[in-house]
PDB file of all heavy atoms in Angstrom:
ATOM      1  N   LYS A   1       0.988 -40.191 -17.611  1.00  0.00           N
ATOM      2  CA  LYS A   1       1.511 -38.970 -17.062  1.00  0.00           C
ATOM      3  C   LYS A   1       1.965 -38.065 -18.170  1.00  0.00           C
ATOM      4  O   LYS A   1       2.456 -38.468 -19.095  1.00  0.00           O
ATOM      5  CB  LYS A   1       2.741 -39.324 -16.129  1.00  0.00           C
ATOM      6  CG  LYS A   1       2.278 -40.171 -14.903  1.00  0.00           C
ATOM      7  CD  LYS A   1       3.523 -40.477 -14.019  1.00  0.00           C
ATOM      8  CE  LYS A   1       3.068 -41.314 -12.784  1.00  0.00           C
ATOM      9  NZ  LYS A   1       4.263 -41.580 -11.976  1.00  0.00           N
ATOM     10  N   ALA A   2       1.748 -36.819 -17.909  1.00  0.00           N
ATOM     11  CA  ALA A   2       2.188 -35.819 -18.902  1.00  0.00           C
ATOM     12  C   ALA A   2       3.757 -35.719 -18.908  1.00  0.00           C
ATOM     13  O   ALA A   2       4.397 -35.685 -17.910  1.00  0.00           O
ATOM     14  CB  ALA A   2       1.636 -34.441 -18.516  1.00  0.00           C
ATOM     15  N   VAL A   3       4.184 -35.637 -20.168  1.00  0.00           N
ATOM     16  CA  VAL A   3       5.678 -35.556 -20.320  1.00  0.00           C
ATOM     17  C   VAL A   3       5.925 -34.361 -21.225  1.00  0.00           C
ATOM     18  O   VAL A   3       5.340 -34.241 -22.349  1.00  0.00           O
ATOM     19  CB  VAL A   3       6.207 -36.896 -21.044  1.00  0.00           C
ATOM     20  CG1 VAL A   3       7.739 -36.760 -21.271  1.00  0.00           C
ATOM     21  CG2 VAL A   3       5.873 -38.059 -20.228  1.00  0.00           C
ATOM     22  N   ASP A   4       6.838 -33.498 -20.836  1.00  0.00           N
ATOM     23  CA  ASP A   4       7.048 -32.260 -21.646  1.00  0.00           C
ATOM     24  C   ASP A   4       7.939 -32.619 -22.887  1.00  0.00           C
ATOM     25  O   ASP A   4       8.524 -33.683 -22.966  1.00  0.00           O
ATOM     26  CB  ASP A   4       7.801 -31.183 -20.756  1.00  0.00           C
ATOM     27  CG  ASP A   4       9.122 -31.725 -20.224  1.00  0.00           C
ATOM     28  OD1 ASP A   4      10.122 -31.730 -20.893  1.00  0.00           O
ATOM     29  OD2 ASP A   4       9.155 -32.212 -19.011  1.00  0.00           O
ATOM     30  N   GLU A   5       7.924 -31.689 -23.786  1.00  0.00           N
ATOM     31  CA  GLU A   5       8.597 -31.984 -25.103  1.00  0.00           C
ATOM     32  C   GLU A   5      10.071 -32.192 -24.985  1.00  0.00           C
ATOM     33  O   GLU A   5      10.560 -33.008 -25.686  1.00  0.00           O
ATOM     34  CB  GLU A   5       8.288 -30.777 -26.051  1.00  0.00           C
ATOM     35  CG  GLU A   5       8.638 -31.075 -27.479  1.00  0.00           C
ATOM     36  CD  GLU A   5       7.939 -32.258 -28.086  1.00  0.00           C
ATOM     37  OE1 GLU A   5       6.700 -32.462 -27.701  1.00  0.00           O
ATOM     38  OE2 GLU A   5       8.454 -32.935 -28.910  1.00  0.00           O
ATOM     39  N   SER A   6      10.677 -31.390 -24.155  1.00  0.00           N
ATOM     40  CA  SER A   6      12.109 -31.634 -23.947  1.00  0.00           C
ATOM     41  C   SER A   6      12.488 -32.985 -23.402  1.00  0.00           C
ATOM     42  O   SER A   6      13.457 -33.629 -23.842  1.00  0.00           O
ATOM     43  CB  SER A   6      12.703 -30.535 -23.003  1.00  0.00           C
ATOM     44  OG  SER A   6      12.145 -30.602 -21.700  1.00  0.00           O
ATOM     45  N   THR A   7      11.717 -33.491 -22.500  1.00  0.00           N
ATOM     46  CA  THR A   7      11.930 -34.833 -22.021  1.00  0.00           C
ATOM     47  C   THR A   7      11.690 -35.944 -23.060  1.00  0.00           C
ATOM     48  O   THR A   7      12.429 -36.888 -23.190  1.00  0.00           O
ATOM     49  CB  THR A   7      11.005 -35.088 -20.758  1.00  0.00           C
ATOM     50  OG1 THR A   7      11.202 -34.123 -19.786  1.00  0.00           O
ATOM     51  CG2 THR A   7      11.245 -36.507 -20.161  1.00  0.00           C
ATOM     52  N   LEU A   8      10.635 -35.712 -23.902  1.00  0.00           N
ATOM     53  CA  LEU A   8      10.358 -36.635 -24.978  1.00  0.00           C
ATOM     54  C   LEU A   8      11.501 -36.637 -25.964  1.00  0.00           C
ATOM     55  O   LEU A   8      11.952 -37.736 -26.345  1.00  0.00           O
ATOM     56  CB  LEU A   8       9.157 -36.162 -25.714  1.00  0.00           C
ATOM     57  CG  LEU A   8       7.703 -36.452 -25.036  1.00  0.00           C
ATOM     58  CD1 LEU A   8       6.633 -35.921 -25.820  1.00  0.00           C
ATOM     59  CD2 LEU A   8       7.592 -38.029 -24.898  1.00  0.00           C
ATOM     60  N   GLU A   9      12.041 -35.501 -26.256  1.00  0.00           N
ATOM     61  CA  GLU A   9      13.206 -35.405 -27.230  1.00  0.00           C
ATOM     62  C   GLU A   9      14.370 -36.153 -26.635  1.00  0.00           C
ATOM     63  O   GLU A   9      15.166 -36.880 -27.276  1.00  0.00           O
ATOM     64  CB  GLU A   9      13.554 -33.957 -27.580  1.00  0.00           C
ATOM     65  CG  GLU A   9      12.528 -33.257 -28.374  1.00  0.00           C
ATOM     66  CD  GLU A   9      12.883 -31.814 -28.685  1.00  0.00           C
ATOM     67  OE1 GLU A   9      13.893 -31.451 -28.148  1.00  0.00           O
ATOM     68  OE2 GLU A   9      12.034 -31.154 -29.360  1.00  0.00           O
ATOM     69  N   MET A  10      14.621 -35.955 -25.319  1.00  0.00           N
ATOM     70  CA  MET A  10      15.748 -36.684 -24.738  1.00  0.00           C
ATOM     71  C   MET A  10      15.601 -38.177 -24.765  1.00  0.00           C
ATOM     72  O   MET A  10      16.517 -38.919 -25.004  1.00  0.00           O
ATOM     73  CB  MET A  10      15.900 -36.151 -23.276  1.00  0.00           C
ATOM     74  CG  MET A  10      17.051 -36.775 -22.480  1.00  0.00           C
ATOM     75  SD  MET A  10      17.037 -36.281 -20.793  1.00  0.00           S
ATOM     76  CE  MET A  10      15.575 -37.114 -20.167  1.00  0.00           C
ATOM     77  N   LEU A  11      14.415 -38.623 -24.433  1.00  0.00           N
ATOM     78  CA  LEU A  11      14.095 -40.073 -24.466  1.00  0.00           C
ATOM     79  C   LEU A  11      14.190 -40.642 -25.837  1.00  0.00           C
ATOM     80  O   LEU A  11      14.760 -41.758 -26.010  1.00  0.00           O
ATOM     81  CB  LEU A  11      12.665 -40.386 -23.891  1.00  0.00           C
ATOM     82  CG  LEU A  11      12.518 -40.095 -22.368  1.00  0.00           C
ATOM     83  CD1 LEU A  11      11.022 -40.227 -21.954  1.00  0.00           C
ATOM     84  CD2 LEU A  11      13.315 -41.134 -21.546  1.00  0.00           C
ATOM     85  N   ARG A  12      13.694 -39.937 -26.812  1.00  0.00           N
ATOM     86  CA  ARG A  12      13.809 -40.475 -28.236  1.00  0.00           C
ATOM     87  C   ARG A  12      15.239 -40.528 -28.668  1.00  0.00           C
ATOM     88  O   ARG A  12      15.647 -41.503 -29.366  1.00  0.00           O
ATOM     89  CB  ARG A  12      12.996 -39.579 -29.127  1.00  0.00           C
ATOM     90  CG  ARG A  12      11.451 -39.626 -28.951  1.00  0.00           C
ATOM     91  CD  ARG A  12      10.722 -38.769 -29.950  1.00  0.00           C
ATOM     92  NE  ARG A  12       9.274 -38.788 -29.737  1.00  0.00           N
ATOM     93  CZ  ARG A  12       8.566 -37.708 -29.502  1.00  0.00           C
ATOM     94  NH1 ARG A  12       9.220 -36.546 -29.402  1.00  0.00           N
ATOM     95  NH2 ARG A  12       7.276 -37.853 -29.301  1.00  0.00           N
ATOM     96  N   ALA A  13      16.031 -39.579 -28.288  1.00  0.00           N
ATOM     97  CA  ALA A  13      17.481 -39.591 -28.602  1.00  0.00           C
ATOM     98  C   ALA A  13      18.146 -40.720 -27.876  1.00  0.00           C
ATOM     99  O   ALA A  13      19.097 -41.365 -28.495  1.00  0.00           O
ATOM    100  CB  ALA A  13      18.132 -38.234 -28.247  1.00  0.00           C
ATOM    101  N   ARG A  14      17.819 -40.954 -26.705  1.00  0.00           N
ATOM    102  CA  ARG A  14      18.469 -42.021 -25.918  1.00  0.00           C
ATOM    103  C   ARG A  14      18.221 -43.346 -26.569  1.00  0.00           C
ATOM    104  O   ARG A  14      19.137 -44.212 -26.561  1.00  0.00           O
ATOM    105  CB  ARG A  14      17.920 -42.044 -24.430  1.00  0.00           C
ATOM    106  CG  ARG A  14      18.448 -43.092 -23.569  1.00  0.00           C
ATOM    107  CD  ARG A  14      17.846 -43.067 -22.240  1.00  0.00           C
ATOM    108  NE  ARG A  14      18.304 -44.222 -21.384  1.00  0.00           N
ATOM    109  CZ  ARG A  14      17.949 -44.406 -20.131  1.00  0.00           C
ATOM    110  NH1 ARG A  14      16.987 -43.577 -19.608  1.00  0.00           N
ATOM    111  NH2 ARG A  14      18.392 -45.405 -19.464  1.00  0.00           N
ATOM    112  N   TYR A  15      17.058 -43.577 -27.081  1.00  0.00           N
ATOM    113  CA  TYR A  15      16.737 -44.898 -27.708  1.00  0.00           C
ATOM    114  C   TYR A  15      16.880 -44.867 -29.223  1.00  0.00           C
ATOM    115  O   TYR A  15      16.501 -45.813 -29.882  1.00  0.00           O
ATOM    116  CB  TYR A  15      15.318 -45.338 -27.264  1.00  0.00           C
ATOM    117  CG  TYR A  15      15.159 -45.771 -25.848  1.00  0.00           C
ATOM    118  CD1 TYR A  15      14.780 -44.846 -24.911  1.00  0.00           C
ATOM    119  CD2 TYR A  15      15.441 -47.025 -25.488  1.00  0.00           C
ATOM    120  CE1 TYR A  15      14.668 -45.189 -23.554  1.00  0.00           C
ATOM    121  CE2 TYR A  15      15.406 -47.440 -24.147  1.00  0.00           C
ATOM    122  CZ  TYR A  15      14.960 -46.533 -23.221  1.00  0.00           C
ATOM    123  OH  TYR A  15      14.835 -46.841 -21.871  1.00  0.00           O
ATOM    124  N   GLY A  16      17.400 -43.801 -29.748  1.00  0.00           N
ATOM    125  CA  GLY A  16      17.652 -43.722 -31.200  1.00  0.00           C
ATOM    126  C   GLY A  16      16.446 -43.475 -32.102  1.00  0.00           C
ATOM    127  O   GLY A  16      16.525 -43.691 -33.281  1.00  0.00           O
ATOM    128  N   LEU A  17      15.322 -43.089 -31.506  1.00  0.00           N
ATOM    129  CA  LEU A  17      14.103 -42.913 -32.192  1.00  0.00           C
ATOM    130  C   LEU A  17      13.975 -41.465 -32.814  1.00  0.00           C
ATOM    131  O   LEU A  17      13.040 -41.165 -33.520  1.00  0.00           O
ATOM    132  CB  LEU A  17      12.899 -43.092 -31.322  1.00  0.00           C
ATOM    133  CG  LEU A  17      12.778 -44.499 -30.692  1.00  0.00           C
ATOM    134  CD1 LEU A  17      11.571 -44.570 -29.769  1.00  0.00           C
ATOM    135  CD2 LEU A  17      12.631 -45.475 -31.778  1.00  0.00           C
ATOM    136  N   ASP A  18      15.049 -40.651 -32.628  1.00  0.00           N
ATOM    137  CA  ASP A  18      15.057 -39.332 -33.229  1.00  0.00           C
ATOM    138  C   ASP A  18      15.729 -39.328 -34.575  1.00  0.00           C
ATOM    139  O   ASP A  18      15.619 -38.312 -35.340  1.00  0.00           O
ATOM    140  CB  ASP A  18      15.821 -38.361 -32.335  1.00  0.00           C
ATOM    141  CG  ASP A  18      17.249 -38.806 -32.122  1.00  0.00           C
ATOM    142  OD1 ASP A  18      17.543 -40.004 -32.120  1.00  0.00           O
ATOM    143  OD2 ASP A  18      18.125 -37.948 -31.904  1.00  0.00           O
ATOM    144  N   LYS A  19      16.291 -40.481 -35.024  1.00  0.00           N
ATOM    145  CA  LYS A  19      16.950 -40.576 -36.303  1.00  0.00           C
ATOM    146  C   LYS A  19      15.942 -40.925 -37.336  1.00  0.00           C
ATOM    147  O   LYS A  19      14.862 -41.427 -37.079  1.00  0.00           O
ATOM    148  CB  LYS A  19      18.056 -41.614 -36.219  1.00  0.00           C
ATOM    149  CG  LYS A  19      19.174 -41.298 -35.293  1.00  0.00           C
ATOM    150  CD  LYS A  19      20.193 -42.484 -35.233  1.00  0.00           C
ATOM    151  CE  LYS A  19      21.393 -42.109 -34.336  1.00  0.00           C
ATOM    152  NZ  LYS A  19      21.020 -41.903 -32.950  1.00  0.00           N
ATOM    153  N   PRO A  20      16.324 -40.689 -38.627  1.00  0.00           N
ATOM    154  CA  PRO A  20      15.415 -41.122 -39.784  1.00  0.00           C
ATOM    155  C   PRO A  20      15.195 -42.624 -39.728  1.00  0.00           C
ATOM    156  O   PRO A  20      15.982 -43.368 -39.163  1.00  0.00           O
ATOM    157  CB  PRO A  20      16.186 -40.728 -41.003  1.00  0.00           C
ATOM    158  CG  PRO A  20      17.158 -39.683 -40.537  1.00  0.00           C
ATOM    159  CD  PRO A  20      17.524 -40.060 -39.154  1.00  0.00           C
ATOM    160  N   VAL A  21      14.031 -43.043 -40.249  1.00  0.00           N
ATOM    161  CA  VAL A  21      13.611 -44.454 -40.202  1.00  0.00           C
ATOM    162  C   VAL A  21      14.662 -45.364 -40.789  1.00  0.00           C
ATOM    163  O   VAL A  21      14.975 -46.372 -40.309  1.00  0.00           O
ATOM    164  CB  VAL A  21      12.230 -44.629 -40.807  1.00  0.00           C
ATOM    165  CG1 VAL A  21      11.908 -46.162 -40.851  1.00  0.00           C
ATOM    166  CG2 VAL A  21      11.215 -43.882 -40.038  1.00  0.00           C
ATOM    167  N   TRP A  22      15.203 -44.924 -41.958  1.00  0.00           N
ATOM    168  CA  TRP A  22      16.192 -45.789 -42.654  1.00  0.00           C
ATOM    169  C   TRP A  22      17.435 -46.021 -41.811  1.00  0.00           C
ATOM    170  O   TRP A  22      17.996 -47.107 -41.746  1.00  0.00           O
ATOM    171  CB  TRP A  22      16.549 -45.182 -43.979  1.00  0.00           C
ATOM    172  CG  TRP A  22      17.366 -43.865 -43.937  1.00  0.00           C
ATOM    173  CD1 TRP A  22      16.882 -42.638 -43.929  1.00  0.00           C
ATOM    174  CD2 TRP A  22      18.824 -43.815 -43.820  1.00  0.00           C
ATOM    175  NE1 TRP A  22      17.886 -41.749 -43.853  1.00  0.00           N
ATOM    176  CE2 TRP A  22      19.118 -42.455 -43.783  1.00  0.00           C
ATOM    177  CE3 TRP A  22      19.876 -44.701 -43.788  1.00  0.00           C
ATOM    178  CZ2 TRP A  22      20.408 -41.933 -43.600  1.00  0.00           C
ATOM    179  CZ3 TRP A  22      21.123 -44.252 -43.629  1.00  0.00           C
ATOM    180  CH2 TRP A  22      21.386 -42.875 -43.570  1.00  0.00           C
ATOM    181  N   GLN A  23      17.794 -44.974 -41.069  1.00  0.00           N
ATOM    182  CA  GLN A  23      18.999 -45.133 -40.177  1.00  0.00           C
ATOM    183  C   GLN A  23      18.665 -45.982 -38.987  1.00  0.00           C
ATOM    184  O   GLN A  23      19.482 -46.803 -38.499  1.00  0.00           O
ATOM    185  CB  GLN A  23      19.467 -43.723 -39.722  1.00  0.00           C
ATOM    186  CG  GLN A  23      20.874 -43.733 -39.040  1.00  0.00           C
ATOM    187  CD  GLN A  23      21.351 -42.373 -38.814  1.00  0.00           C
ATOM    188  OE1 GLN A  23      20.837 -41.321 -39.313  1.00  0.00           O
ATOM    189  NE2 GLN A  23      22.445 -42.286 -38.067  1.00  0.00           N
ATOM    190  N   GLN A  24      17.440 -45.887 -38.430  1.00  0.00           N
ATOM    191  CA  GLN A  24      17.032 -46.741 -37.347  1.00  0.00           C
ATOM    192  C   GLN A  24      17.026 -48.154 -37.764  1.00  0.00           C
ATOM    193  O   GLN A  24      17.449 -49.118 -37.023  1.00  0.00           O
ATOM    194  CB  GLN A  24      15.644 -46.339 -36.897  1.00  0.00           C
ATOM    195  CG  GLN A  24      15.530 -44.937 -36.198  1.00  0.00           C
ATOM    196  CD  GLN A  24      14.131 -44.721 -35.708  1.00  0.00           C
ATOM    197  OE1 GLN A  24      13.506 -45.550 -35.120  1.00  0.00           O
ATOM    198  NE2 GLN A  24      13.621 -43.514 -35.989  1.00  0.00           N
ATOM    199  N   PHE A  25      16.552 -48.417 -39.071  1.00  0.00           N
ATOM    200  CA  PHE A  25      16.497 -49.757 -39.603  1.00  0.00           C
ATOM    201  C   PHE A  25      17.849 -50.315 -39.759  1.00  0.00           C
ATOM    202  O   PHE A  25      18.163 -51.467 -39.387  1.00  0.00           O
ATOM    203  CB  PHE A  25      15.765 -49.736 -40.908  1.00  0.00           C
ATOM    204  CG  PHE A  25      15.760 -51.052 -41.651  1.00  0.00           C
ATOM    205  CD1 PHE A  25      15.116 -52.184 -41.155  1.00  0.00           C
ATOM    206  CD2 PHE A  25      16.563 -51.236 -42.774  1.00  0.00           C
ATOM    207  CE1 PHE A  25      15.183 -53.377 -41.812  1.00  0.00           C
ATOM    208  CE2 PHE A  25      16.587 -52.408 -43.449  1.00  0.00           C
ATOM    209  CZ  PHE A  25      15.897 -53.528 -42.916  1.00  0.00           C
ATOM    210  N   LEU A  26      18.835 -49.562 -40.254  1.00  0.00           N
ATOM    211  CA  LEU A  26      20.154 -50.025 -40.432  1.00  0.00           C
ATOM    212  C   LEU A  26      20.801 -50.343 -39.096  1.00  0.00           C
ATOM    213  O   LEU A  26      21.452 -51.435 -38.953  1.00  0.00           O
ATOM    214  CB  LEU A  26      20.993 -48.929 -41.207  1.00  0.00           C
ATOM    215  CG  LEU A  26      22.436 -49.342 -41.500  1.00  0.00           C
ATOM    216  CD1 LEU A  26      22.461 -50.524 -42.442  1.00  0.00           C
ATOM    217  CD2 LEU A  26      23.134 -48.063 -42.181  1.00  0.00           C
ATOM    218  N   ASN A  27      20.643 -49.512 -38.089  1.00  0.00           N
ATOM    219  CA  ASN A  27      21.214 -49.778 -36.764  1.00  0.00           C
ATOM    220  C   ASN A  27      20.573 -50.999 -36.150  1.00  0.00           C
ATOM    221  O   ASN A  27      21.273 -51.818 -35.538  1.00  0.00           O
ATOM    222  CB  ASN A  27      20.966 -48.555 -35.873  1.00  0.00           C
ATOM    223  CG  ASN A  27      21.823 -47.376 -36.336  1.00  0.00           C
ATOM    224  OD1 ASN A  27      22.803 -47.503 -36.969  1.00  0.00           O
ATOM    225  ND2 ASN A  27      21.352 -46.137 -35.949  1.00  0.00           N
ATOM    226  N   TYR A  28      19.252 -51.162 -36.404  1.00  0.00           N
ATOM    227  CA  TYR A  28      18.515 -52.299 -35.792  1.00  0.00           C
ATOM    228  C   TYR A  28      19.010 -53.627 -36.424  1.00  0.00           C
ATOM    229  O   TYR A  28      19.291 -54.581 -35.679  1.00  0.00           O
ATOM    230  CB  TYR A  28      17.042 -52.105 -36.158  1.00  0.00           C
ATOM    231  CG  TYR A  28      16.200 -53.401 -35.794  1.00  0.00           C
ATOM    232  CD1 TYR A  28      15.954 -53.639 -34.469  1.00  0.00           C
ATOM    233  CD2 TYR A  28      15.665 -54.152 -36.778  1.00  0.00           C
ATOM    234  CE1 TYR A  28      15.168 -54.862 -34.127  1.00  0.00           C
ATOM    235  CE2 TYR A  28      14.912 -55.307 -36.485  1.00  0.00           C
ATOM    236  CZ  TYR A  28      14.685 -55.593 -35.146  1.00  0.00           C
ATOM    237  OH  TYR A  28      13.943 -56.740 -34.910  1.00  0.00           O
ATOM    238  N   MET A  29      19.208 -53.645 -37.757  1.00  0.00           N
ATOM    239  CA  MET A  29      19.687 -54.875 -38.347  1.00  0.00           C
ATOM    240  C   MET A  29      21.157 -55.193 -37.984  1.00  0.00           C
ATOM    241  O   MET A  29      21.452 -56.380 -37.746  1.00  0.00           O
ATOM    242  CB  MET A  29      19.587 -54.749 -39.851  1.00  0.00           C
ATOM    243  CG  MET A  29      18.134 -54.641 -40.391  1.00  0.00           C
ATOM    244  SD  MET A  29      17.097 -55.996 -40.000  1.00  0.00           S
ATOM    245  CE  MET A  29      17.885 -57.377 -40.947  1.00  0.00           C
ATOM    246  N   ILE A  30      21.964 -54.241 -37.816  1.00  0.00           N
ATOM    247  CA  ILE A  30      23.276 -54.409 -37.375  1.00  0.00           C
ATOM    248  C   ILE A  30      23.327 -55.010 -35.956  1.00  0.00           C
ATOM    249  O   ILE A  30      23.999 -55.983 -35.663  1.00  0.00           O
ATOM    250  CB  ILE A  30      24.162 -53.085 -37.493  1.00  0.00           C
ATOM    251  CG1 ILE A  30      24.375 -52.702 -38.868  1.00  0.00           C
ATOM    252  CG2 ILE A  30      25.477 -53.343 -36.739  1.00  0.00           C
ATOM    253  CD1 ILE A  30      25.042 -51.376 -39.002  1.00  0.00           C
ATOM    254  N   ASN A  31      22.485 -54.454 -35.140  1.00  0.00           N
ATOM    255  CA  ASN A  31      22.401 -54.915 -33.704  1.00  0.00           C
ATOM    256  C   ASN A  31      21.893 -56.338 -33.637  1.00  0.00           C
ATOM    257  O   ASN A  31      22.298 -57.137 -32.841  1.00  0.00           O
ATOM    258  CB  ASN A  31      21.597 -53.987 -32.933  1.00  0.00           C
ATOM    259  CG  ASN A  31      22.183 -52.637 -32.624  1.00  0.00           C
ATOM    260  OD1 ASN A  31      23.444 -52.570 -32.614  1.00  0.00           O
ATOM    261  ND2 ASN A  31      21.449 -51.592 -32.449  1.00  0.00           N
ATOM    262  N   VAL A  32      20.877 -56.679 -34.490  1.00  0.00           N
ATOM    263  CA  VAL A  32      20.342 -58.030 -34.564  1.00  0.00           C
ATOM    264  C   VAL A  32      21.381 -59.021 -34.898  1.00  0.00           C
ATOM    265  O   VAL A  32      21.474 -60.030 -34.256  1.00  0.00           O
ATOM    266  CB  VAL A  32      19.157 -58.121 -35.544  1.00  0.00           C
ATOM    267  CG1 VAL A  32      18.772 -59.532 -35.832  1.00  0.00           C
ATOM    268  CG2 VAL A  32      17.949 -57.354 -34.976  1.00  0.00           C
ATOM    269  N   PHE A  33      22.217 -58.680 -35.941  1.00  0.00           N
ATOM    270  CA  PHE A  33      23.284 -59.639 -36.310  1.00  0.00           C
ATOM    271  C   PHE A  33      24.311 -59.743 -35.225  1.00  0.00           C
ATOM    272  O   PHE A  33      25.021 -60.720 -35.224  1.00  0.00           O
ATOM    273  CB  PHE A  33      23.873 -59.186 -37.613  1.00  0.00           C
ATOM    274  CG  PHE A  33      23.103 -59.580 -38.809  1.00  0.00           C
ATOM    275  CD1 PHE A  33      22.439 -58.539 -39.543  1.00  0.00           C
ATOM    276  CD2 PHE A  33      22.971 -60.858 -39.248  1.00  0.00           C
ATOM    277  CE1 PHE A  33      21.733 -58.916 -40.649  1.00  0.00           C
ATOM    278  CE2 PHE A  33      22.166 -61.205 -40.347  1.00  0.00           C
ATOM    279  CZ  PHE A  33      21.555 -60.176 -41.044  1.00  0.00           C
ATOM    280  N   ARG A  34      24.420 -58.780 -34.373  1.00  0.00           N
ATOM    281  CA  ARG A  34      25.377 -58.826 -33.250  1.00  0.00           C
ATOM    282  C   ARG A  34      24.734 -59.507 -32.013  1.00  0.00           C
ATOM    283  O   ARG A  34      25.431 -59.658 -31.010  1.00  0.00           O
ATOM    284  CB  ARG A  34      25.804 -57.412 -32.830  1.00  0.00           C
ATOM    285  CG  ARG A  34      26.686 -56.726 -33.863  1.00  0.00           C
ATOM    286  CD  ARG A  34      26.808 -55.228 -33.525  1.00  0.00           C
ATOM    287  NE  ARG A  34      27.223 -55.063 -32.151  1.00  0.00           N
ATOM    288  CZ  ARG A  34      27.146 -53.848 -31.558  1.00  0.00           C
ATOM    289  NH1 ARG A  34      26.656 -52.745 -32.204  1.00  0.00           N
ATOM    290  NH2 ARG A  34      27.567 -53.730 -30.291  1.00  0.00           N
ATOM    291  N   GLY A  35      23.490 -59.840 -32.132  1.00  0.00           N
ATOM    292  CA  GLY A  35      22.753 -60.486 -30.986  1.00  0.00           C
ATOM    293  C   GLY A  35      22.279 -59.551 -29.988  1.00  0.00           C
ATOM    294  O   GLY A  35      21.990 -59.899 -28.841  1.00  0.00           O
ATOM    295  N   ASP A  36      22.132 -58.267 -30.383  1.00  0.00           N
ATOM    296  CA  ASP A  36      21.618 -57.305 -29.443  1.00  0.00           C
ATOM    297  C   ASP A  36      20.209 -56.841 -29.838  1.00  0.00           C
ATOM    298  O   ASP A  36      20.011 -56.231 -30.924  1.00  0.00           O
ATOM    299  CB  ASP A  36      22.528 -56.045 -29.461  1.00  0.00           C
ATOM    300  CG  ASP A  36      22.100 -54.982 -28.498  1.00  0.00           C
ATOM    301  OD1 ASP A  36      21.143 -55.175 -27.719  1.00  0.00           O
ATOM    302  OD2 ASP A  36      22.717 -53.857 -28.518  1.00  0.00           O
ATOM    303  N   LEU A  37      19.221 -57.108 -29.042  1.00  0.00           N
ATOM    304  CA  LEU A  37      17.818 -56.760 -29.420  1.00  0.00           C
ATOM    305  C   LEU A  37      17.369 -55.439 -28.812  1.00  0.00           C
ATOM    306  O   LEU A  37      16.154 -55.104 -28.859  1.00  0.00           O
ATOM    307  CB  LEU A  37      16.843 -57.870 -29.016  1.00  0.00           C
ATOM    308  CG  LEU A  37      17.061 -59.221 -29.736  1.00  0.00           C
ATOM    309  CD1 LEU A  37      16.094 -60.258 -29.197  1.00  0.00           C
ATOM    310  CD2 LEU A  37      17.012 -59.076 -31.205  1.00  0.00           C
ATOM    311  N   GLY A  38      18.262 -54.730 -28.179  1.00  0.00           N
ATOM    312  CA  GLY A  38      17.950 -53.438 -27.610  1.00  0.00           C
ATOM    313  C   GLY A  38      17.474 -53.474 -26.127  1.00  0.00           C
ATOM    314  O   GLY A  38      17.453 -54.580 -25.536  1.00  0.00           O
ATOM    315  N   VAL A  39      17.053 -52.334 -25.691  1.00  0.00           N
ATOM    316  CA  VAL A  39      16.582 -52.125 -24.319  1.00  0.00           C
ATOM    317  C   VAL A  39      15.079 -51.830 -24.295  1.00  0.00           C
ATOM    318  O   VAL A  39      14.687 -50.877 -25.066  1.00  0.00           O
ATOM    319  CB  VAL A  39      17.372 -51.068 -23.587  1.00  0.00           C
ATOM    320  CG1 VAL A  39      16.834 -50.879 -22.113  1.00  0.00           C
ATOM    321  CG2 VAL A  39      18.860 -51.497 -23.531  1.00  0.00           C
ATOM    322  N   SER A  40      14.305 -52.460 -23.501  1.00  0.00           N
ATOM    323  CA  SER A  40      12.880 -52.174 -23.436  1.00  0.00           C
ATOM    324  C   SER A  40      12.712 -50.789 -22.840  1.00  0.00           C
ATOM    325  O   SER A  40      13.231 -50.421 -21.825  1.00  0.00           O
ATOM    326  CB  SER A  40      12.197 -53.213 -22.476  1.00  0.00           C
ATOM    327  OG  SER A  40      10.856 -52.818 -22.146  1.00  0.00           O
ATOM    328  N   THR A  41      11.842 -50.000 -23.590  1.00  0.00           N
ATOM    329  CA  THR A  41      11.572 -48.712 -23.106  1.00  0.00           C
ATOM    330  C   THR A  41      10.587 -48.628 -21.890  1.00  0.00           C
ATOM    331  O   THR A  41      10.485 -47.692 -21.179  1.00  0.00           O
ATOM    332  CB  THR A  41      10.904 -47.832 -24.261  1.00  0.00           C
ATOM    333  OG1 THR A  41       9.666 -48.515 -24.700  1.00  0.00           O
ATOM    334  CG2 THR A  41      11.783 -47.727 -25.435  1.00  0.00           C
TER     335      THR A  41
END
């Protein structure tokens, strides 16, 4: 299904994919050590 750009930006921000890769990696590793593997998109 077609998704407009504003919706894509909102979804990326919701799942933290709008941040730089290094920041995503840091958040991911912190969450892993906390036992949180995130939410399935």
